C-alpha atoms as a PDB file:
ATOM      1  CA  UNK A   1       5.264   4.443 -16.036  1.00  0.00           C
ATOM      2  CA  UNK A   2       2.163   2.771 -14.778  1.00  0.00           C
ATOM      3  CA  UNK A   3       1.064  -0.717 -15.631  1.00  0.00           C
ATOM      4  CA  UNK A   4      -0.635  -3.372 -13.623  1.00  0.00           C
ATOM      5  CA  UNK A   5       0.546  -7.196 -13.149  1.00  0.00           C
ATOM      6  CA  UNK A   6      -2.812  -7.788 -15.626  1.00  0.00           C
ATOM      7  CA  UNK A   7      -4.426  -5.134 -17.408  1.00  0.00           C
ATOM      8  CA  UNK A   8      -7.686  -5.495 -17.709  1.00  0.00           C
ATOM      9  CA  UNK A   9     -19.306   6.780 -18.148  1.00  0.00           C
ATOM     10  CA  UNK A  10     -21.521   8.134 -17.198  1.00  0.00           C
ATOM     11  CA  UNK A  11     -24.276   8.837 -19.663  1.00  0.00           C
ATOM     12  CA  UNK A  12     -24.908  12.468 -20.468  1.00  0.00           C
ATOM     13  CA  UNK A  13     -28.453  13.549 -19.903  1.00  0.00           C
ATOM     14  CA  UNK A  14     -30.105  14.725 -23.079  1.00  0.00           C
ATOM     15  CA  UNK A  15     -32.693  17.380 -22.396  1.00  0.00           C
ATOM     16  CA  UNK A  16     -35.251  19.105 -24.545  1.00  0.00           C
ATOM     17  CA  UNK A  17     -36.388  22.709 -24.348  1.00  0.00           C
ATOM     18  CA  UNK A  18     -39.699  22.954 -22.560  1.00  0.00           C
ATOM     19  CA  UNK A  19     -41.517  26.266 -22.292  1.00  0.00           C
ATOM     20  CA  UNK A  20     -43.032  27.389 -18.974  1.00  0.00           C
ATOM     21  CA  UNK A  21     -46.433  27.375 -20.637  1.00  0.00           C
ATOM     22  CA  UNK A  22     -46.148  23.667 -21.359  1.00  0.00           C
ATOM     23  CA  UNK A  23     -44.957  22.829 -17.856  1.00  0.00           C
ATOM     24  CA  UNK A  24     -45.828  25.669 -15.495  1.00  0.00           C
ATOM     25  CA  UNK A  25     -44.286  23.924 -12.465  1.00  0.00           C
ATOM     26  CA  UNK A  26     -40.907  22.325 -12.865  1.00  0.00           C
ATOM     27  CA  UNK A  27     -39.030  21.295  -9.763  1.00  0.00           C
ATOM     28  CA  UNK A  28     -35.531  19.919 -10.166  1.00  0.00           C
ATOM     29  CA  UNK A  29     -33.791  18.737  -7.037  1.00  0.00           C
ATOM     30  CA  UNK A  30     -30.680  16.646  -7.017  1.00  0.00           C
ATOM     31  CA  UNK A  31     -31.406  13.475  -5.156  1.00  0.00           C
ATOM     32  CA  UNK A  32     -29.202  10.727  -3.879  1.00  0.00           C
ATOM     33  CA  UNK A  33     -30.738   7.318  -3.529  1.00  0.00           C
ATOM     34  CA  UNK A  34     -30.118   5.808  -0.150  1.00  0.00           C
ATOM     35  CA  UNK A  35     -28.927   2.705  -1.984  1.00  0.00           C
ATOM     36  CA  UNK A  36     -26.184   4.736  -3.682  1.00  0.00           C
ATOM     37  CA  UNK A  37     -25.218   7.036  -0.848  1.00  0.00           C
ATOM     38  CA  UNK A  38     -21.470   7.331  -0.136  1.00  0.00           C
ATOM     39  CA  UNK A  39     -21.957   5.881   3.330  1.00  0.00           C
ATOM     40  CA  UNK A  40     -23.795   2.845   1.977  1.00  0.00           C
ATOM     41  CA  UNK A  41     -21.215   2.349  -0.764  1.00  0.00           C
ATOM     42  CA  UNK A  42     -18.423   2.519   1.807  1.00  0.00           C
ATOM     43  CA  UNK A  43     -20.101  -0.139   3.945  1.00  0.00           C
ATOM     44  CA  UNK A  44     -20.627  -2.352   0.895  1.00  0.00           C
ATOM     45  CA  UNK A  45     -16.958  -2.047  -0.089  1.00  0.00           C
ATOM     46  CA  UNK A  46     -15.839  -2.843   3.449  1.00  0.00           C
ATOM     47  CA  UNK A  47     -18.039  -5.942   3.499  1.00  0.00           C
ATOM     48  CA  UNK A  48     -16.787  -7.018   0.067  1.00  0.00           C
ATOM     49  CA  UNK A  49     -13.156  -6.588   1.152  1.00  0.00           C
ATOM     50  CA  UNK A  50     -13.822  -8.595   4.315  1.00  0.00           C
ATOM     51  CA  UNK A  51     -15.372 -11.439   2.312  1.00  0.00           C
ATOM     52  CA  UNK A  52     -12.431 -11.494  -0.103  1.00  0.00           C
ATOM     53  CA  UNK A  53      -9.926 -11.552   2.762  1.00  0.00           C
ATOM     54  CA  UNK A  54     -11.606 -14.505   4.473  1.00  0.00           C
ATOM     55  CA  UNK A  55     -12.162 -16.314   1.170  1.00  0.00           C
ATOM     56  CA  UNK A  56      -8.499 -15.968   0.247  1.00  0.00           C
ATOM     57  CA  UNK A  57      -7.466 -17.460   3.574  1.00  0.00           C
ATOM     58  CA  UNK A  58      -9.819 -20.404   3.072  1.00  0.00           C
ATOM     59  CA  UNK A  59      -8.845 -21.034  -0.554  1.00  0.00           C
ATOM     60  CA  UNK A  60      -5.150 -21.000   0.339  1.00  0.00           C
ATOM     61  CA  UNK A  61      -5.716 -23.275   3.312  1.00  0.00           C
ATOM     62  CA  UNK A  62      -8.153 -25.777   1.796  1.00  0.00           C
ATOM     63  CA  UNK A  63      -7.893 -25.371  -1.977  1.00  0.00           C
ATOM     64  CA  UNK A  64     -10.791 -24.605  -4.299  1.00  0.00           C
ATOM     65  CA  UNK A  65     -12.699 -27.856  -3.878  1.00  0.00           C
ATOM     66  CA  UNK A  66     -12.116 -27.921  -0.132  1.00  0.00           C
ATOM     67  CA  UNK A  67     -13.600 -24.462   0.345  1.00  0.00           C
ATOM     68  CA  UNK A  68     -17.351 -23.937   0.437  1.00  0.00           C
ATOM     69  CA  UNK A  69     -19.473 -20.836   0.694  1.00  0.00           C
ATOM     70  CA  UNK A  70     -20.897 -22.323   3.900  1.00  0.00           C
ATOM     71  CA  UNK A  71     -17.429 -22.487   5.471  1.00  0.00           C
ATOM     72  CA  UNK A  72     -16.807 -18.846   4.618  1.00  0.00           C
ATOM     73  CA  UNK A  73     -20.168 -17.793   6.027  1.00  0.00           C
ATOM     74  CA  UNK A  74     -19.403 -19.726   9.205  1.00  0.00           C
ATOM     75  CA  UNK A  75     -16.366 -17.499   9.756  1.00  0.00           C
ATOM     76  CA  UNK A  76     -17.867 -14.331   8.351  1.00  0.00           C
ATOM     77  CA  UNK A  77     -21.288 -14.537   9.919  1.00  0.00           C
ATOM     78  CA  UNK A  78     -24.482 -13.461   8.206  1.00  0.00           C
ATOM     79  CA  UNK A  79     -25.942 -15.490   5.361  1.00  0.00           C
ATOM     80  CA  UNK A  80     -24.908 -16.961   2.030  1.00  0.00           C
ATOM     81  CA  UNK A  81     -27.112 -14.444   0.238  1.00  0.00           C
ATOM     82  CA  UNK A  82     -24.586 -11.723   1.110  1.00  0.00           C
ATOM     83  CA  UNK A  83     -21.828 -13.561  -0.725  1.00  0.00           C
ATOM     84  CA  UNK A  84     -24.085 -14.414  -3.655  1.00  0.00           C
ATOM     85  CA  UNK A  85     -25.209 -10.788  -3.969  1.00  0.00           C
ATOM     86  CA  UNK A  86     -21.588  -9.617  -4.230  1.00  0.00           C
ATOM     87  CA  UNK A  87     -19.991 -12.437  -6.231  1.00  0.00           C
ATOM     88  CA  UNK A  88     -22.687 -14.690  -7.700  1.00  0.00           C
ATOM     89  CA  UNK A  89     -21.148 -18.031  -6.680  1.00  0.00           C
ATOM     90  CA  UNK A  90     -17.945 -19.643  -5.420  1.00  0.00           C
ATOM     91  CA  UNK A  91     -16.285 -19.301  -8.821  1.00  0.00           C
ATOM     92  CA  UNK A  92     -17.054 -15.591  -8.864  1.00  0.00           C
ATOM     93  CA  UNK A  93     -15.635 -15.249  -5.371  1.00  0.00           C
ATOM     94  CA  UNK A  94     -12.411 -16.991  -6.354  1.00  0.00           C
ATOM     95  CA  UNK A  95     -12.162 -14.720  -9.403  1.00  0.00           C
ATOM     96  CA  UNK A  96     -12.469 -11.705  -7.090  1.00  0.00           C
ATOM     97  CA  UNK A  97      -9.662 -13.089  -4.917  1.00  0.00           C
ATOM     98  CA  UNK A  98      -7.413 -13.317  -7.982  1.00  0.00           C
ATOM     99  CA  UNK A  99      -8.257  -9.800  -9.149  1.00  0.00           C
ATOM    100  CA  UNK A 100      -7.623  -8.424  -5.681  1.00  0.00           C
ATOM    101  CA  UNK A 101      -4.272 -10.223  -5.481  1.00  0.00           C
ATOM    102  CA  UNK A 102      -3.292  -8.979  -8.951  1.00  0.00           C
ATOM    103  CA  UNK A 103      -3.983  -5.359  -8.061  1.00  0.00           C
ATOM    104  CA  UNK A 104      -2.038  -5.625  -4.808  1.00  0.00           C
ATOM    105  CA  UNK A 105       0.887  -7.307  -6.572  1.00  0.00           C
ATOM    106  CA  UNK A 106       1.213  -4.499  -9.065  1.00  0.00           C
ATOM    107  CA  UNK A 107       0.892  -1.464  -6.854  1.00  0.00           C
ATOM    108  CA  UNK A 108       4.431  -0.499  -7.908  1.00  0.00           C
ATOM    109  CA  UNK A 109       5.802  -1.490 -11.294  1.00  0.00           C
ATOM    110  CA  UNK A 110       9.305  -0.184 -10.667  1.00  0.00           C
ATOM    111  CA  UNK A 111      10.294   0.223  -7.003  1.00  0.00           C
ATOM    112  CA  UNK A 112      13.133   2.604  -7.941  1.00  0.00           C
ATOM    113  CA  UNK A 113      12.979   5.359 -10.545  1.00  0.00           C
ATOM    114  CA  UNK A 114      16.197   7.362 -10.210  1.00  0.00           C
ATOM    115  CA  UNK A 115      17.230   7.648 -13.853  1.00  0.00           C
ATOM    116  CA  UNK A 116      19.929   4.957 -13.600  1.00  0.00           C
ATOM    117  CA  UNK A 117      18.977   1.922 -15.649  1.00  0.00           C
ATOM    118  CA  UNK A 118      21.072  -0.552 -13.680  1.00  0.00           C
ATOM    119  CA  UNK A 119      19.484   0.502 -10.393  1.00  0.00           C
ATOM    120  CA  UNK A 120      15.983   0.458 -11.849  1.00  0.00           C
ATOM    121  CA  UNK A 121      16.249  -2.930 -13.583  1.00  0.00           C
ATOM    122  CA  UNK A 122      17.966  -4.550 -10.595  1.00  0.00           C
ATOM    123  CA  UNK A 123      15.267  -3.296  -8.212  1.00  0.00           C
ATOM    124  CA  UNK A 124      12.556  -4.486 -10.609  1.00  0.00           C
ATOM    125  CA  UNK A 125      14.160  -7.927 -10.885  1.00  0.00           C
ATOM    126  CA  UNK A 126      14.431  -8.305  -7.112  1.00  0.00           C
ATOM    127  CA  UNK A 127      10.874  -7.106  -6.539  1.00  0.00           C
ATOM    128  CA  UNK A 128       9.445  -9.527  -9.094  1.00  0.00           C
ATOM    129  CA  UNK A 129      11.284 -12.482  -7.607  1.00  0.00           C
ATOM    130  CA  UNK A 130       9.911 -11.635  -4.176  1.00  0.00           C
ATOM    131  CA  UNK A 131       6.371 -11.505  -5.525  1.00  0.00           C
ATOM    132  CA  UNK A 132       6.442 -14.488  -7.875  1.00  0.00           C
ATOM    133  CA  UNK A 133       8.115 -16.817  -5.382  1.00  0.00           C
ATOM    134  CA  UNK A 134       6.088 -15.650  -2.397  1.00  0.00           C
ATOM    135  CA  UNK A 135       4.144 -18.382  -0.630  1.00  0.00           C
ATOM    136  CA  UNK A 136       0.819 -16.727  -1.452  1.00  0.00           C
ATOM    137  CA  UNK A 137       1.521 -16.514  -5.187  1.00  0.00           C
ATOM    138  CA  UNK A 138       2.841 -20.072  -5.445  1.00  0.00           C
ATOM    139  CA  UNK A 139      -0.232 -21.370  -3.599  1.00  0.00           C
ATOM    140  CA  UNK A 140      -2.614 -19.373  -5.798  1.00  0.00           C
ATOM    141  CA  UNK A 141      -0.844 -20.704  -8.892  1.00  0.00           C
ATOM    142  CA  UNK A 142      -1.273 -24.272  -7.645  1.00  0.00           C
ATOM    143  CA  UNK A 143      -5.003 -23.732  -7.144  1.00  0.00           C
ATOM    144  CA  UNK A 144      -5.368 -22.121 -10.571  1.00  0.00           C
ATOM    145  CA  UNK A 145      -3.487 -24.976 -12.284  1.00  0.00           C
ATOM    146  CA  UNK A 146      -5.649 -27.539 -10.488  1.00  0.00           C
ATOM    147  CA  UNK A 147      -8.797 -25.757 -11.688  1.00  0.00           C
ATOM    148  CA  UNK A 148      -7.624 -24.823 -15.192  1.00  0.00           C
ATOM    149  CA  UNK A 149      -8.926 -27.906 -17.006  1.00  0.00           C
ATOM    150  CA  UNK A 150     -12.379 -27.587 -15.443  1.00  0.00           C
ATOM    151  CA  UNK A 151     -12.524 -23.798 -15.534  1.00  0.00           C
ATOM    152  CA  UNK A 152     -10.250 -22.330 -18.240  1.00  0.00           C
ATOM    153  CA  UNK A 153     -11.536 -18.851 -17.440  1.00  0.00           C
ATOM    154  CA  UNK A 154      -9.910 -18.999 -14.005  1.00  0.00           C
ATOM    155  CA  UNK A 155      -6.490 -19.640 -15.561  1.00  0.00           C
ATOM    156  CA  UNK A 156      -6.939 -16.802 -18.037  1.00  0.00           C
ATOM    157  CA  UNK A 157      -8.075 -14.488 -15.256  1.00  0.00           C
ATOM    158  CA  UNK A 158      -4.920 -15.207 -13.253  1.00  0.00           C
ATOM    159  CA  UNK A 159      -2.730 -14.701 -16.309  1.00  0.00           C
ATOM    160  CA  UNK A 160      -4.389 -11.384 -17.144  1.00  0.00           C
ATOM    161  CA  UNK A 161      -4.003 -10.124 -13.572  1.00  0.00           C
ATOM    162  CA  UNK A 162      -0.515 -11.378 -12.768  1.00  0.00           C
ATOM    163  CA  UNK A 163       2.128 -12.363 -15.371  1.00  0.00           C
ATOM    164  CA  UNK A 164       0.817 -10.223 -18.221  1.00  0.00           C
ATOM    165  CA  UNK A 165       1.115  -6.825 -16.495  1.00  0.00           C
ATOM    166  CA  UNK A 166       4.672  -7.655 -15.419  1.00  0.00           C
ATOM    167  CA  UNK A 167       5.531  -8.306 -19.057  1.00  0.00           C
ATOM    168  CA  UNK A 168       3.749  -5.107 -20.108  1.00  0.00           C
ATOM    169  CA  UNK A 169       5.553  -2.982 -17.502  1.00  0.00           C
ATOM    170  CA  UNK A 170       9.006  -4.237 -18.469  1.00  0.00           C
ATOM    171  CA  UNK A 171       8.253  -4.061 -22.191  1.00  0.00           C
ATOM    172  CA  UNK A 172       7.193  -0.415 -21.843  1.00  0.00           C
ATOM    173  CA  UNK A 173      10.291   0.400 -19.814  1.00  0.00           C
ATOM    174  CA  UNK A 174      12.685  -1.205 -22.307  1.00  0.00           C
ATOM    175  CA  UNK A 175      10.886   0.450 -25.224  1.00  0.00           C
ATOM    176  CA  UNK A 176      11.269   3.869 -23.623  1.00  0.00           C
ATOM    177  CA  UNK A 177      14.941   3.222 -22.839  1.00  0.00           C
ATOM    178  CA  UNK A 178      15.498   2.172 -26.460  1.00  0.00           C
ATOM    179  CA  UNK A 179      13.697   5.244 -27.798  1.00  0.00           C
ATOM    180  CA  UNK A 180      15.770   7.528 -25.551  1.00  0.00           C
ATOM    181  CA  UNK A 181      18.988   5.880 -26.755  1.00  0.00           C
ATOM    182  CA  UNK A 182      20.021   4.396 -23.422  1.00  0.00           C
ATOM    183  CA  UNK A 183      19.549   0.879 -24.758  1.00  0.00           C
ATOM    184  CA  UNK A 184      19.960  -0.538 -28.256  1.00  0.00           C
ATOM    185  CA  UNK A 185      17.402  -3.331 -28.662  1.00  0.00           C
ATOM    186  CA  UNK A 186      16.170  -4.487 -32.064  1.00  0.00           C
ATOM    187  CA  UNK A 187      13.387  -6.719 -30.706  1.00  0.00           C
ATOM    188  CA  UNK A 188      12.000  -5.358 -27.435  1.00  0.00           C
ATOM    189  CA  UNK A 189       9.509  -8.201 -27.099  1.00  0.00           C
ATOM    190  CA  UNK A 190      12.232 -10.841 -27.317  1.00  0.00           C
ATOM    191  CA  UNK A 191      14.448  -8.909 -24.889  1.00  0.00           C
ATOM    192  CA  UNK A 192      11.566  -8.668 -22.406  1.00  0.00           C
ATOM    193  CA  UNK A 193      10.969 -12.412 -22.547  1.00  0.00           C
ATOM    194  CA  UNK A 194      14.689 -13.091 -22.215  1.00  0.00           C
ATOM    195  CA  UNK A 195      14.992 -10.951 -19.078  1.00  0.00           C
ATOM    196  CA  UNK A 196      11.932 -12.376 -17.353  1.00  0.00           C
ATOM    197  CA  UNK A 197      12.741 -15.925 -18.441  1.00  0.00           C
ATOM    198  CA  UNK A 198      16.235 -15.738 -17.040  1.00  0.00           C
ATOM    199  CA  UNK A 199      14.856 -14.285 -13.844  1.00  0.00           C
ATOM    200  CA  UNK A 200      11.942 -16.632 -13.134  1.00  0.00           C
ATOM    201  CA  UNK A 201      11.962 -19.820 -15.190  1.00  0.00           C
ATOM    202  CA  UNK A 202      14.807 -21.503 -13.331  1.00  0.00           C
ATOM    203  CA  UNK A 203      12.899 -21.976 -10.081  1.00  0.00           C
ATOM    204  CA  UNK A 204       9.219 -21.683 -10.959  1.00  0.00           C
ATOM    205  CA  UNK A 205       8.531 -25.380 -11.627  1.00  0.00           C
ATOM    206  CA  UNK A 206      10.543 -26.498  -8.613  1.00  0.00           C
ATOM    207  CA  UNK A 207       8.614 -24.030  -6.480  1.00  0.00           C
ATOM    208  CA  UNK A 208       5.259 -25.213  -7.798  1.00  0.00           C
ATOM    209  CA  UNK A 209       6.168 -28.834  -7.040  1.00  0.00           C
ATOM    210  CA  UNK A 210       7.496 -27.900  -3.623  1.00  0.00           C
ATOM    211  CA  UNK A 211      10.990 -29.225  -4.261  1.00  0.00           C
ATOM    212  CA  UNK A 212      12.841 -25.908  -4.473  1.00  0.00           C
ATOM    213  CA  UNK A 213      15.026 -24.814  -1.616  1.00  0.00           C
ATOM    214  CA  UNK A 214      13.941 -21.554  -0.042  1.00  0.00           C
ATOM    215  CA  UNK A 215      15.844 -18.711  -1.695  1.00  0.00           C
ATOM    216  CA  UNK A 216      17.067 -16.009   0.645  1.00  0.00           C
ATOM    217  CA  UNK A 217      16.548 -12.342  -0.073  1.00  0.00           C
ATOM    218  CA  UNK A 218      20.312 -11.968  -0.450  1.00  0.00           C
ATOM    219  CA  UNK A 219      20.401 -14.712  -3.079  1.00  0.00           C
ATOM    220  CA  UNK A 220      17.543 -13.071  -4.983  1.00  0.00           C
ATOM    221  CA  UNK A 221      19.342  -9.718  -4.832  1.00  0.00           C
ATOM    222  CA  UNK A 222      22.535 -11.296  -6.211  1.00  0.00           C
ATOM    223  CA  UNK A 223      20.581 -13.003  -8.999  1.00  0.00           C
ATOM    224  CA  UNK A 224      18.861  -9.733  -9.890  1.00  0.00           C
ATOM    225  CA  UNK A 225      22.172  -7.866 -10.075  1.00  0.00           C
ATOM    226  CA  UNK A 226      23.881 -10.611 -12.086  1.00  0.00           C
ATOM    227  CA  UNK A 227      21.044 -10.863 -14.604  1.00  0.00           C
ATOM    228  CA  UNK A 228      20.876  -7.084 -15.002  1.00  0.00           C
ATOM    229  CA  UNK A 229      24.628  -6.824 -15.586  1.00  0.00           C
ATOM    230  CA  UNK A 230      24.495  -9.519 -18.286  1.00  0.00           C
ATOM    231  CA  UNK A 231      21.516  -7.828 -19.907  1.00  0.00           C
ATOM    232  CA  UNK A 232      23.153  -4.397 -19.970  1.00  0.00           C
ATOM    233  CA  UNK A 233      26.401  -5.856 -21.280  1.00  0.00           C
ATOM    234  CA  UNK A 234      24.430  -6.810 -24.378  1.00  0.00           C
ATOM    235  CA  UNK A 235      22.058  -3.884 -24.805  1.00  0.00           C
ATOM    236  CA  UNK A 236      23.386  -0.770 -23.054  1.00  0.00           C
ATOM    237  CA  UNK A 237      24.731   1.923 -25.381  1.00  0.00           C
ATOM    238  CA  UNK A 238      26.999   3.347 -22.673  1.00  0.00           C
ATOM    239  CA  UNK A 239      29.196   0.431 -21.637  1.00  0.00           C
END
């Protein structure tokens, strides 16, 4: 099962028959523009990744308003035109930071896939707590909330690259388990929301406001196991 924490060809050449008499000399050589060479593309990606890394550090440290392209260039070196050529403006750079974080957060949808639902759901629940309540995610959420009224697109971008793929991954998993007969769920969507709500809603506001006590990994593991046991007590066919 592959899903991301938000989900977001090549044109065929059409040729015509041309007789040798019409074009007596036809030379076809594959060419690679120096601008599109693999080496150049690799350097461009490395530079882009470096910019995103530094930008993320600055946004998390200083917030959106407190971070300027000039401050990033001061650390990065070079000129502002490099950042503008890759991202357009500061808003585009922040959007890239969110996308990059979303992809990294969803590299594994289910940490354990051993065929045992309790193991798989418990591992998923623990993994999602670790990610959602991580310092980096809480800080990104605070920045997004602060910017949401002025830039609604930023909030939607975060939602599409973070919470939504988590919902999609769990929904797909529960749907497959229901289809296979391991679970008996009449409304998979409602069951998905119930599981994630019970897992995350209790502490999310307190964490955002900075008034939540730090939860240990052991406490998160116990919460994951307890929630999974309650969930399976309701929906597992083999009890």
